[in-house]
PDB file of all heavy atoms in Angstrom:
ATOM      1  N   ASP A   1       0.811  -1.217   0.000  1.00  0.00           N
ATOM      2  CA  ASP A   1       0.000   0.000   0.000  1.00  0.00           C
ATOM      3  C   ASP A   1       0.847   1.271   0.000  1.00  0.00           C
ATOM      4  O   ASP A   1       0.353   2.338  -0.377  1.00  0.00           O
ATOM      5  CB  ASP A   1      -0.924   0.024   1.215  1.00  0.00           C
ATOM      6  CG  ASP A   1      -2.036  -1.009   1.125  1.00  0.00           C
ATOM      7  OD1 ASP A   1      -2.323  -1.458  -0.001  1.00  0.00           O
ATOM      8  OD2 ASP A   1      -2.612  -1.367   2.166  1.00  0.00           O
ATOM      9  N   ASP A   2       2.097   1.174   0.430  1.00  0.00           N
ATOM     10  CA  ASP A   2       2.972   2.336   0.549  1.00  0.00           C
ATOM     11  C   ASP A   2       3.940   2.378  -0.627  1.00  0.00           C
ATOM     12  O   ASP A   2       4.691   1.428  -0.860  1.00  0.00           O
ATOM     13  CB  ASP A   2       3.741   2.269   1.873  1.00  0.00           C
ATOM     14  CG  ASP A   2       4.696   3.444   2.043  1.00  0.00           C
ATOM     15  OD1 ASP A   2       4.226   4.535   2.404  1.00  0.00           O
ATOM     16  OD2 ASP A   2       5.904   3.258   1.792  1.00  0.00           O
ATOM     17  N   GLY A   3       3.941   3.484  -1.354  1.00  0.00           N
ATOM     18  CA  GLY A   3       4.792   3.588  -2.528  1.00  0.00           C
ATOM     19  C   GLY A   3       6.262   3.459  -2.216  1.00  0.00           C
ATOM     20  O   GLY A   3       7.015   2.791  -2.932  1.00  0.00           O
ATOM     21  N   GLY A   4       6.713   4.096  -1.133  1.00  0.00           N
ATOM     22  CA  GLY A   4       8.116   4.009  -0.763  1.00  0.00           C
ATOM     23  C   GLY A   4       8.522   2.608  -0.351  1.00  0.00           C
ATOM     24  O   GLY A   4       9.613   2.133  -0.688  1.00  0.00           O
ATOM     25  N   GLY A   5       7.634   1.921   0.379  1.00  0.00           N
ATOM     26  CA  GLY A   5       7.932   0.560   0.800  1.00  0.00           C
ATOM     27  C   GLY A   5       8.084  -0.379  -0.374  1.00  0.00           C
ATOM     28  O   GLY A   5       9.008  -1.201  -0.420  1.00  0.00           O
ATOM     29  N   LEU A   6       7.193  -0.273  -1.353  1.00  0.00           N
ATOM     30  CA  LEU A   6       7.276  -1.162  -2.510  1.00  0.00           C
ATOM     31  C   LEU A   6       8.457  -0.792  -3.399  1.00  0.00           C
ATOM     32  O   LEU A   6       9.047  -1.658  -4.048  1.00  0.00           O
ATOM     33  CB  LEU A   6       5.980  -1.130  -3.313  1.00  0.00           C
ATOM     34  CG  LEU A   6       5.897  -2.227  -4.384  1.00  0.00           C
ATOM     35  CD1 LEU A   6       5.905  -3.610  -3.736  1.00  0.00           C
ATOM     36  CD2 LEU A   6       4.661  -2.076  -5.231  1.00  0.00           C
ATOM     37  N   ASN A   7       8.816   0.477  -3.420  1.00  0.00           N
ATOM     38  CA  ASN A   7       9.988   0.890  -4.188  1.00  0.00           C
ATOM     39  C   ASN A   7      11.230   0.166  -3.683  1.00  0.00           C
ATOM     40  O   ASN A   7      12.058  -0.313  -4.470  1.00  0.00           O
ATOM     41  CB  ASN A   7      10.174   2.408  -4.083  1.00  0.00           C
ATOM     42  CG  ASN A   7      11.349   2.899  -4.908  1.00  0.00           C
ATOM     43  OD1 ASN A   7      12.482   2.924  -4.432  1.00  0.00           O
ATOM     44  ND2 ASN A   7      11.079   3.311  -6.136  1.00  0.00           N
ATOM     45  N   GLY A   8      11.363   0.049  -2.364  1.00  0.00           N
ATOM     46  CA  GLY A   8      12.493  -0.681  -1.806  1.00  0.00           C
ATOM     47  C   GLY A   8      12.460  -2.146  -2.190  1.00  0.00           C
ATOM     48  O   GLY A   8      13.495  -2.737  -2.525  1.00  0.00           O
ATOM     49  N   ILE A   9      11.272  -2.756  -2.156  1.00  0.00           N
ATOM     50  CA  ILE A   9      11.136  -4.157  -2.563  1.00  0.00           C
ATOM     51  C   ILE A   9      11.533  -4.331  -4.024  1.00  0.00           C
ATOM     52  O   ILE A   9      12.222  -5.290  -4.396  1.00  0.00           O
ATOM     53  CB  ILE A   9       9.682  -4.638  -2.342  1.00  0.00           C
ATOM     54  CG1 ILE A   9       9.345  -4.680  -0.850  1.00  0.00           C
ATOM     55  CG2 ILE A   9       9.457  -5.998  -2.997  1.00  0.00           C
ATOM     56  CD1 ILE A   9      10.079  -5.739  -0.072  1.00  0.00           C
ATOM     57  N   ALA A  10      11.092  -3.405  -4.879  1.00  0.00           N
ATOM     58  CA  ALA A  10      11.406  -3.491  -6.308  1.00  0.00           C
ATOM     59  C   ALA A  10      12.908  -3.472  -6.541  1.00  0.00           C
ATOM     60  O   ALA A  10      13.435  -4.220  -7.386  1.00  0.00           O
ATOM     61  CB  ALA A  10      10.731  -2.346  -7.066  1.00  0.00           C
ATOM     62  N   HIS A  11      13.635  -2.647  -5.800  1.00  0.00           N
ATOM     63  CA  HIS A  11      15.090  -2.595  -5.956  1.00  0.00           C
ATOM     64  C   HIS A  11      15.738  -3.894  -5.489  1.00  0.00           C
ATOM     65  O   HIS A  11      16.705  -4.370  -6.111  1.00  0.00           O
ATOM     66  CB  HIS A  11      15.652  -1.391  -5.191  1.00  0.00           C
ATOM     67  CG  HIS A  11      15.519  -0.096  -5.926  1.00  0.00           C
ATOM     68  ND1 HIS A  11      16.461   0.358  -6.815  1.00  0.00           N
ATOM     69  CD2 HIS A  11      14.527   0.827  -5.918  1.00  0.00           C
ATOM     70  CE1 HIS A  11      16.074   1.525  -7.328  1.00  0.00           C
ATOM     71  NE2 HIS A  11      14.898   1.833  -6.793  1.00  0.00           N
ATOM     72  N   VAL A  12      15.213  -4.470  -4.406  1.00  0.00           N
ATOM     73  CA  VAL A  12      15.753  -5.747  -3.924  1.00  0.00           C
ATOM     74  C   VAL A  12      15.537  -6.837  -4.970  1.00  0.00           C
ATOM     75  O   VAL A  12      16.455  -7.620  -5.282  1.00  0.00           O
ATOM     76  CB  VAL A  12      15.089  -6.135  -2.589  1.00  0.00           C
ATOM     77  CG1 VAL A  12      15.446  -7.573  -2.206  1.00  0.00           C
ATOM     78  CG2 VAL A  12      15.512  -5.186  -1.480  1.00  0.00           C
ATOM     79  N   VAL A  13      14.327  -6.915  -5.526  1.00  0.00           N
ATOM     80  CA  VAL A  13      14.021  -7.936  -6.537  1.00  0.00           C
ATOM     81  C   VAL A  13      14.866  -7.722  -7.781  1.00  0.00           C
ATOM     82  O   VAL A  13      15.448  -8.677  -8.337  1.00  0.00           O
ATOM     83  CB  VAL A  13      12.524  -7.906  -6.881  1.00  0.00           C
ATOM     84  CG1 VAL A  13      12.219  -8.833  -8.052  1.00  0.00           C
ATOM     85  CG2 VAL A  13      11.683  -8.302  -5.666  1.00  0.00           C
ATOM     86  N   ALA A  14      14.950  -6.485  -8.241  1.00  0.00           N
ATOM     87  CA  ALA A  14      15.737  -6.198  -9.441  1.00  0.00           C
ATOM     88  C   ALA A  14      17.202  -6.578  -9.243  1.00  0.00           C
ATOM     89  O   ALA A  14      17.831  -7.166 -10.136  1.00  0.00           O
ATOM     90  CB  ALA A  14      15.610  -4.717  -9.799  1.00  0.00           C
ATOM     91  N   HIS A  15      17.752  -6.265  -8.077  1.00  0.00           N
ATOM     92  CA  HIS A  15      19.151  -6.612  -7.806  1.00  0.00           C
ATOM     93  C   HIS A  15      19.347  -8.121  -7.844  1.00  0.00           C
ATOM     94  O   HIS A  15      20.334  -8.612  -8.403  1.00  0.00           O
ATOM     95  CB  HIS A  15      19.560  -6.059  -6.435  1.00  0.00           C
ATOM     96  CG  HIS A  15      20.959  -6.424  -6.037  1.00  0.00           C
ATOM     97  ND1 HIS A  15      22.072  -5.841  -6.602  1.00  0.00           N
ATOM     98  CD2 HIS A  15      21.425  -7.339  -5.127  1.00  0.00           C
ATOM     99  CE1 HIS A  15      23.168  -6.367  -6.072  1.00  0.00           C
ATOM    100  NE2 HIS A  15      22.796  -7.278  -5.175  1.00  0.00           N
ATOM    101  N   ARG A  16      18.412  -8.853  -7.269  1.00  0.00           N
ATOM    102  CA  ARG A  16      18.512 -10.303  -7.265  1.00  0.00           C
ATOM    103  C   ARG A  16      18.458 -10.859  -8.692  1.00  0.00           C
ATOM    104  O   ARG A  16      19.089 -11.882  -9.001  1.00  0.00           O
ATOM    105  CB  ARG A  16      17.376 -10.893  -6.433  1.00  0.00           C
ATOM    106  CG  ARG A  16      17.375 -12.398  -6.321  1.00  0.00           C
ATOM    107  CD  ARG A  16      18.421 -12.916  -5.359  1.00  0.00           C
ATOM    108  NE  ARG A  16      18.499 -14.367  -5.371  1.00  0.00           N
ATOM    109  CZ  ARG A  16      19.191 -15.096  -4.503  1.00  0.00           C
ATOM    110  NH1 ARG A  16      19.851 -14.495  -3.541  1.00  0.00           N
ATOM    111  NH2 ARG A  16      19.197 -16.411  -4.586  1.00  0.00           N
ATOM    112  N   LEU A  17      17.723 -10.200  -9.557  1.00  0.00           N
ATOM    113  CA  LEU A  17      17.590 -10.641 -10.945  1.00  0.00           C
ATOM    114  C   LEU A  17      18.710 -10.112 -11.832  1.00  0.00           C
ATOM    115  O   LEU A  17      18.727 -10.378 -13.044  1.00  0.00           O
ATOM    116  CB  LEU A  17      16.243 -10.185 -11.513  1.00  0.00           C
ATOM    117  CG  LEU A  17      14.982 -10.747 -10.841  1.00  0.00           C
ATOM    118  CD1 LEU A  17      13.733 -10.175 -11.480  1.00  0.00           C
ATOM    119  CD2 LEU A  17      14.961 -12.269 -10.904  1.00  0.00           C
ATOM    120  N   GLY A  18      19.622  -9.335 -11.258  1.00  0.00           N
ATOM    121  CA  GLY A  18      20.710  -8.772 -12.034  1.00  0.00           C
ATOM    122  C   GLY A  18      20.286  -7.608 -12.902  1.00  0.00           C
ATOM    123  O   GLY A  18      20.913  -7.320 -13.929  1.00  0.00           O
ATOM    124  N   LYS A  19      19.221  -6.926 -12.485  1.00  0.00           N
ATOM    125  CA  LYS A  19      18.689  -5.806 -13.262  1.00  0.00           C
ATOM    126  C   LYS A  19      18.870  -4.515 -12.474  1.00  0.00           C
ATOM    127  O   LYS A  19      18.670  -4.485 -11.259  1.00  0.00           O
ATOM    128  CB  LYS A  19      17.206  -6.022 -13.553  1.00  0.00           C
ATOM    129  CG  LYS A  19      16.503  -4.857 -14.227  1.00  0.00           C
ATOM    130  CD  LYS A  19      15.010  -5.147 -14.385  1.00  0.00           C
ATOM    131  CE  LYS A  19      14.228  -3.951 -14.921  1.00  0.00           C
ATOM    132  NZ  LYS A  19      14.637  -3.584 -16.284  1.00  0.00           N
ATOM    133  N   GLN A  20      19.248  -3.459 -13.158  1.00  0.00           N
ATOM    134  CA  GLN A  20      19.335  -2.141 -12.539  1.00  0.00           C
ATOM    135  C   GLN A  20      18.149  -1.300 -12.989  1.00  0.00           C
ATOM    136  O   GLN A  20      17.917  -1.149 -14.188  1.00  0.00           O
ATOM    137  CB  GLN A  20      20.637  -1.438 -12.915  1.00  0.00           C
ATOM    138  CG  GLN A  20      20.823  -0.094 -12.203  1.00  0.00           C
ATOM    139  CD  GLN A  20      22.171   0.538 -12.503  1.00  0.00           C
ATOM    140  OE1 GLN A  20      23.013  -0.069 -13.176  1.00  0.00           O
ATOM    141  NE2 GLN A  20      22.398   1.742 -12.009  1.00  0.00           N
ATOM    142  N   LEU A  21      17.396  -0.786 -12.029  1.00  0.00           N
ATOM    143  CA  LEU A  21      16.237   0.038 -12.369  1.00  0.00           C
ATOM    144  C   LEU A  21      16.717   1.388 -12.888  1.00  0.00           C
ATOM    145  O   LEU A  21      17.515   2.067 -12.231  1.00  0.00           O
ATOM    146  CB  LEU A  21      15.338   0.209 -11.142  1.00  0.00           C
ATOM    147  CG  LEU A  21      14.766  -1.082 -10.552  1.00  0.00           C
ATOM    148  CD1 LEU A  21      13.837  -0.774  -9.382  1.00  0.00           C
ATOM    149  CD2 LEU A  21      14.026  -1.897 -11.604  1.00  0.00           C
ATOM    150  N   ARG A  22      16.200   1.779 -14.046  1.00  0.00           N
ATOM    151  CA  ARG A  22      16.669   2.999 -14.700  1.00  0.00           C
ATOM    152  C   ARG A  22      15.516   3.949 -15.029  1.00  0.00           C
ATOM    153  O   ARG A  22      15.540   4.638 -16.035  1.00  0.00           O
ATOM    154  CB  ARG A  22      17.426   2.648 -15.987  1.00  0.00           C
ATOM    155  CG  ARG A  22      18.662   1.777 -15.747  1.00  0.00           C
ATOM    156  CD  ARG A  22      19.392   1.490 -17.055  1.00  0.00           C
ATOM    157  NE  ARG A  22      20.546   0.634 -16.875  1.00  0.00           N
ATOM    158  CZ  ARG A  22      21.755   1.059 -16.501  1.00  0.00           C
ATOM    159  NH1 ARG A  22      21.944   2.355 -16.287  1.00  0.00           N
ATOM    160  NH2 ARG A  22      22.758   0.211 -16.355  1.00  0.00           N
ATOM    161  N   TYR A  23      14.500   3.978 -14.201  1.00  0.00           N
ATOM    162  CA  TYR A  23      13.388   4.897 -14.454  1.00  0.00           C
ATOM    163  C   TYR A  23      13.844   6.338 -14.206  1.00  0.00           C
ATOM    164  O   TYR A  23      14.807   6.588 -13.476  1.00  0.00           O
ATOM    165  CB  TYR A  23      12.199   4.560 -13.566  1.00  0.00           C
ATOM    166  CG  TYR A  23      12.493   4.483 -12.091  1.00  0.00           C
ATOM    167  CD1 TYR A  23      12.587   5.629 -11.316  1.00  0.00           C
ATOM    168  CD2 TYR A  23      12.686   3.255 -11.472  1.00  0.00           C
ATOM    169  CE1 TYR A  23      12.866   5.559  -9.962  1.00  0.00           C
ATOM    170  CE2 TYR A  23      12.963   3.167 -10.115  1.00  0.00           C
ATOM    171  CZ  TYR A  23      13.048   4.318  -9.369  1.00  0.00           C
ATOM    172  OH  TYR A  23      13.324   4.252  -8.023  1.00  0.00           O
ATOM    173  N   LYS A  24      13.136   7.246 -14.848  1.00  0.00           N
ATOM    174  CA  LYS A  24      13.485   8.668 -14.755  1.00  0.00           C
ATOM    175  C   LYS A  24      12.374   9.430 -14.042  1.00  0.00           C
ATOM    176  O   LYS A  24      11.206   9.321 -14.408  1.00  0.00           O
ATOM    177  CB  LYS A  24      13.714   9.253 -16.148  1.00  0.00           C
ATOM    178  CG  LYS A  24      14.907   8.650 -16.883  1.00  0.00           C
ATOM    179  CD  LYS A  24      15.106   9.301 -18.247  1.00  0.00           C
ATOM    180  CE  LYS A  24      16.317   8.690 -18.972  1.00  0.00           C
ATOM    181  NZ  LYS A  24      16.515   9.312 -20.310  1.00  0.00           N
ATOM    182  N   ASP A  25      12.764  10.172 -13.053  1.00  0.00           N
ATOM    183  CA  ASP A  25      11.816  11.022 -12.335  1.00  0.00           C
ATOM    184  C   ASP A  25      11.909  12.459 -12.858  1.00  0.00           C
ATOM    185  O   ASP A  25      12.945  12.872 -13.380  1.00  0.00           O
ATOM    186  CB  ASP A  25      12.118  10.980 -10.831  1.00  0.00           C
ATOM    187  CG  ASP A  25      11.464   9.788 -10.143  1.00  0.00           C
ATOM    188  OD1 ASP A  25      10.385   9.395 -10.614  1.00  0.00           O
ATOM    189  OD2 ASP A  25      12.026   9.258  -9.178  1.00  0.00           O
ATOM    190  N   PRO A  26      10.822  13.257 -12.735  1.00  0.00           N
ATOM    191  CA  PRO A  26       9.585  12.940 -11.998  1.00  0.00           C
ATOM    192  C   PRO A  26       8.540  12.186 -12.825  1.00  0.00           C
ATOM    193  O   PRO A  26       7.476  11.873 -12.318  1.00  0.00           O
ATOM    194  CB  PRO A  26       9.069  14.319 -11.627  1.00  0.00           C
ATOM    195  CG  PRO A  26       9.485  15.176 -12.776  1.00  0.00           C
ATOM    196  CD  PRO A  26      10.830  14.660 -13.198  1.00  0.00           C
ATOM    197  N   GLU A  27       8.849  11.887 -14.121  1.00  0.00           N
ATOM    198  CA  GLU A  27       7.850  11.241 -14.977  1.00  0.00           C
ATOM    199  C   GLU A  27       7.404   9.898 -14.409  1.00  0.00           C
ATOM    200  O   GLU A  27       6.205   9.588 -14.369  1.00  0.00           O
ATOM    201  CB  GLU A  27       8.407  11.056 -16.395  1.00  0.00           C
ATOM    202  CG  GLU A  27       8.643  12.346 -17.160  1.00  0.00           C
ATOM    203  CD  GLU A  27       9.992  12.972 -16.836  1.00  0.00           C
ATOM    204  OE1 GLU A  27      10.733  12.395 -15.991  1.00  0.00           O
ATOM    205  OE2 GLU A  27      10.313  14.016 -17.412  1.00  0.00           O
ATOM    206  N   PHE A  28       8.383   9.077 -13.952  1.00  0.00           N
ATOM    207  CA  PHE A  28       8.020   7.757 -13.469  1.00  0.00           C
ATOM    208  C   PHE A  28       7.159   7.837 -12.215  1.00  0.00           C
ATOM    209  O   PHE A  28       6.170   7.105 -12.092  1.00  0.00           O
ATOM    210  CB  PHE A  28       9.261   6.921 -13.176  1.00  0.00           C
ATOM    211  CG  PHE A  28       8.928   5.606 -12.521  1.00  0.00           C
ATOM    212  CD1 PHE A  28       8.364   4.573 -13.254  1.00  0.00           C
ATOM    213  CD2 PHE A  28       9.142   5.408 -11.159  1.00  0.00           C
ATOM    214  CE1 PHE A  28       8.028   3.369 -12.649  1.00  0.00           C
ATOM    215  CE2 PHE A  28       8.815   4.206 -10.548  1.00  0.00           C
ATOM    216  CZ  PHE A  28       8.262   3.188 -11.299  1.00  0.00           C
ATOM    217  N   THR A  29       7.532   8.710 -11.284  1.00  0.00           N
ATOM    218  CA  THR A  29       6.757   8.818 -10.049  1.00  0.00           C
ATOM    219  C   THR A  29       5.314   9.198 -10.347  1.00  0.00           C
ATOM    220  O   THR A  29       4.377   8.680  -9.715  1.00  0.00           O
ATOM    221  CB  THR A  29       7.384   9.866  -9.113  1.00  0.00           C
ATOM    222  OG1 THR A  29       8.687   9.398  -8.723  1.00  0.00           O
ATOM    223  CG2 THR A  29       6.542  10.063  -7.863  1.00  0.00           C
ATOM    224  N   ARG A  30       5.114  10.037 -11.324  1.00  0.00           N
ATOM    225  CA  ARG A  30       3.749  10.462 -11.674  1.00  0.00           C
ATOM    226  C   ARG A  30       2.932   9.289 -12.195  1.00  0.00           C
ATOM    227  O   ARG A  30       1.813   9.036 -11.721  1.00  0.00           O
ATOM    228  CB  ARG A  30       3.788  11.577 -12.719  1.00  0.00           C
ATOM    229  CG  ARG A  30       2.400  12.023 -13.196  1.00  0.00           C
ATOM    230  CD  ARG A  30       2.498  13.111 -14.246  1.00  0.00           C
ATOM    231  NE  ARG A  30       3.292  12.689 -15.379  1.00  0.00           N
ATOM    232  CZ  ARG A  30       2.849  11.912 -16.356  1.00  0.00           C
ATOM    233  NH1 ARG A  30       1.606  11.439 -16.321  1.00  0.00           N
ATOM    234  NH2 ARG A  30       3.631  11.590 -17.367  1.00  0.00           N
ATOM    235  N   VAL A  31       3.468   8.530 -13.161  1.00  0.00           N
ATOM    236  CA  VAL A  31       2.693   7.418 -13.719  1.00  0.00           C
ATOM    237  C   VAL A  31       2.575   6.281 -12.711  1.00  0.00           C
ATOM    238  O   VAL A  31       1.574   5.553 -12.696  1.00  0.00           O
ATOM    239  CB  VAL A  31       3.291   6.922 -15.052  1.00  0.00           C
ATOM    240  CG1 VAL A  31       3.148   7.973 -16.143  1.00  0.00           C
ATOM    241  CG2 VAL A  31       4.746   6.506 -14.895  1.00  0.00           C
ATOM    242  N   ASN A  32       3.591   6.110 -11.857  1.00  0.00           N
ATOM    243  CA  ASN A  32       3.518   5.087 -10.817  1.00  0.00           C
ATOM    244  C   ASN A  32       2.403   5.408  -9.831  1.00  0.00           C
ATOM    245  O   ASN A  32       1.635   4.527  -9.430  1.00  0.00           O
ATOM    246  CB  ASN A  32       4.860   4.974 -10.093  1.00  0.00           C
ATOM    247  CG  ASN A  32       4.841   3.954  -8.965  1.00  0.00           C
ATOM    248  OD1 ASN A  32       4.729   4.315  -7.804  1.00  0.00           O
ATOM    249  ND2 ASN A  32       4.946   2.684  -9.318  1.00  0.00           N
ATOM    250  N   LEU A  33       2.289   6.674  -9.450  1.00  0.00           N
ATOM    251  CA  LEU A  33       1.211   7.084  -8.548  1.00  0.00           C
ATOM    252  C   LEU A  33      -0.146   6.889  -9.205  1.00  0.00           C
ATOM    253  O   LEU A  33      -1.114   6.476  -8.556  1.00  0.00           O
ATOM    254  CB  LEU A  33       1.398   8.533  -8.119  1.00  0.00           C
ATOM    255  CG  LEU A  33       2.531   8.804  -7.131  1.00  0.00           C
ATOM    256  CD1 LEU A  33       2.716  10.309  -6.938  1.00  0.00           C
ATOM    257  CD2 LEU A  33       2.245   8.129  -5.791  1.00  0.00           C
ATOM    258  N   ASP A  34      -0.239   7.183 -10.502  1.00  0.00           N
ATOM    259  CA  ASP A  34      -1.502   6.990 -11.223  1.00  0.00           C
ATOM    260  C   ASP A  34      -1.887   5.505 -11.227  1.00  0.00           C
ATOM    261  O   ASP A  34      -3.052   5.152 -11.015  1.00  0.00           O
ATOM    262  CB  ASP A  34      -1.376   7.494 -12.660  1.00  0.00           C
ATOM    263  CG  ASP A  34      -1.331   9.006 -12.738  1.00  0.00           C
ATOM    264  OD1 ASP A  34      -1.707   9.672 -11.744  1.00  0.00           O
ATOM    265  OD2 ASP A  34      -0.906   9.532 -13.795  1.00  0.00           O
ATOM    266  N   LEU A  35      -0.904   4.632 -11.475  1.00  0.00           N
ATOM    267  CA  LEU A  35      -1.175   3.197 -11.500  1.00  0.00           C
ATOM    268  C   LEU A  35      -1.590   2.706 -10.111  1.00  0.00           C
ATOM    269  O   LEU A  35      -2.546   1.955  -9.976  1.00  0.00           O
ATOM    270  CB  LEU A  35       0.047   2.439 -11.991  1.00  0.00           C
ATOM    271  CG  LEU A  35      -0.067   0.901 -12.014  1.00  0.00           C
ATOM    272  CD1 LEU A  35      -1.173   0.460 -12.983  1.00  0.00           C
ATOM    273  CD2 LEU A  35       1.276   0.262 -12.393  1.00  0.00           C
ATOM    274  N   ARG A  36      -0.866   3.136  -9.102  1.00  0.00           N
ATOM    275  CA  ARG A  36      -1.205   2.735  -7.727  1.00  0.00           C
ATOM    276  C   ARG A  36      -2.611   3.188  -7.356  1.00  0.00           C
ATOM    277  O   ARG A  36      -3.363   2.450  -6.734  1.00  0.00           O
ATOM    278  CB  ARG A  36      -0.184   3.316  -6.742  1.00  0.00           C
ATOM    279  CG  ARG A  36       1.229   2.788  -6.907  1.00  0.00           C
ATOM    280  CD  ARG A  36       2.137   3.396  -5.847  1.00  0.00           C
ATOM    281  NE  ARG A  36       1.633   3.077  -4.520  1.00  0.00           N
ATOM    282  CZ  ARG A  36       1.840   1.924  -3.911  1.00  0.00           C
ATOM    283  NH1 ARG A  36       2.547   0.988  -4.497  1.00  0.00           N
ATOM    284  NH2 ARG A  36       1.339   1.703  -2.728  1.00  0.00           N
ATOM    285  N   SER A  37      -2.943   4.410  -7.753  1.00  0.00           N
ATOM    286  CA  SER A  37      -4.271   4.927  -7.457  1.00  0.00           C
ATOM    287  C   SER A  37      -5.344   4.111  -8.147  1.00  0.00           C
ATOM    288  O   SER A  37      -6.405   3.808  -7.556  1.00  0.00           O
ATOM    289  CB  SER A  37      -4.365   6.396  -7.874  1.00  0.00           C
ATOM    290  OG  SER A  37      -5.659   6.901  -7.673  1.00  0.00           O
ATOM    291  N   GLU A  38      -5.086   3.704  -9.380  1.00  0.00           N
ATOM    292  CA  GLU A  38      -6.081   2.952 -10.125  1.00  0.00           C
ATOM    293  C   GLU A  38      -6.252   1.533  -9.568  1.00  0.00           C
ATOM    294  O   GLU A  38      -7.366   1.016  -9.495  1.00  0.00           O
ATOM    295  CB  GLU A  38      -5.705   2.887 -11.601  1.00  0.00           C
ATOM    296  CG  GLU A  38      -6.781   2.273 -12.473  1.00  0.00           C
ATOM    297  CD  GLU A  38      -6.660   2.662 -13.930  1.00  0.00           C
ATOM    298  OE1 GLU A  38      -5.581   3.138 -14.335  1.00  0.00           O
ATOM    299  OE2 GLU A  38      -7.654   2.491 -14.663  1.00  0.00           O
ATOM    300  N   LEU A  39      -5.137   0.915  -9.156  1.00  0.00           N
ATOM    301  CA  LEU A  39      -5.215  -0.458  -8.679  1.00  0.00           C
ATOM    302  C   LEU A  39      -5.628  -0.562  -7.218  1.00  0.00           C
ATOM    303  O   LEU A  39      -6.328  -1.508  -6.827  1.00  0.00           O
ATOM    304  CB  LEU A  39      -3.859  -1.153  -8.860  1.00  0.00           C
ATOM    305  CG  LEU A  39      -3.362  -1.342 -10.302  1.00  0.00           C
ATOM    306  CD1 LEU A  39      -1.983  -1.988 -10.304  1.00  0.00           C
ATOM    307  CD2 LEU A  39      -4.345  -2.164 -11.107  1.00  0.00           C
ATOM    308  N   LEU A  40      -5.186   0.383  -6.394  1.00  0.00           N
ATOM    309  CA  LEU A  40      -5.442   0.305  -4.963  1.00  0.00           C
ATOM    310  C   LEU A  40      -6.506   1.276  -4.475  1.00  0.00           C
ATOM    311  O   LEU A  40      -7.097   1.065  -3.422  1.00  0.00           O
ATOM    312  CB  LEU A  40      -4.144   0.567  -4.181  1.00  0.00           C
ATOM    313  CG  LEU A  40      -3.029  -0.464  -4.389  1.00  0.00           C
ATOM    314  CD1 LEU A  40      -1.712   0.054  -3.810  1.00  0.00           C
ATOM    315  CD2 LEU A  40      -3.410  -1.790  -3.752  1.00  0.00           C
ATOM    316  N   GLY A  41      -6.760   2.308  -5.252  1.00  0.00           N
ATOM    317  CA  GLY A  41      -7.704   3.326  -4.806  1.00  0.00           C
ATOM    318  C   GLY A  41      -9.124   2.847  -4.704  1.00  0.00           C
ATOM    319  O   GLY A  41      -9.912   3.351  -3.908  1.00  0.00           O
TER     320      GLY A  41
END
């Protein structure tokens, strides 16, 4: 439910998979918030 909490999980998962997250802010944060709002709101 918390954007910051899941962001940390995403980095842990990506690191385990050998992937580096390369999203660009503030564009990514905006669309991420929109998606979270649509799925959880």
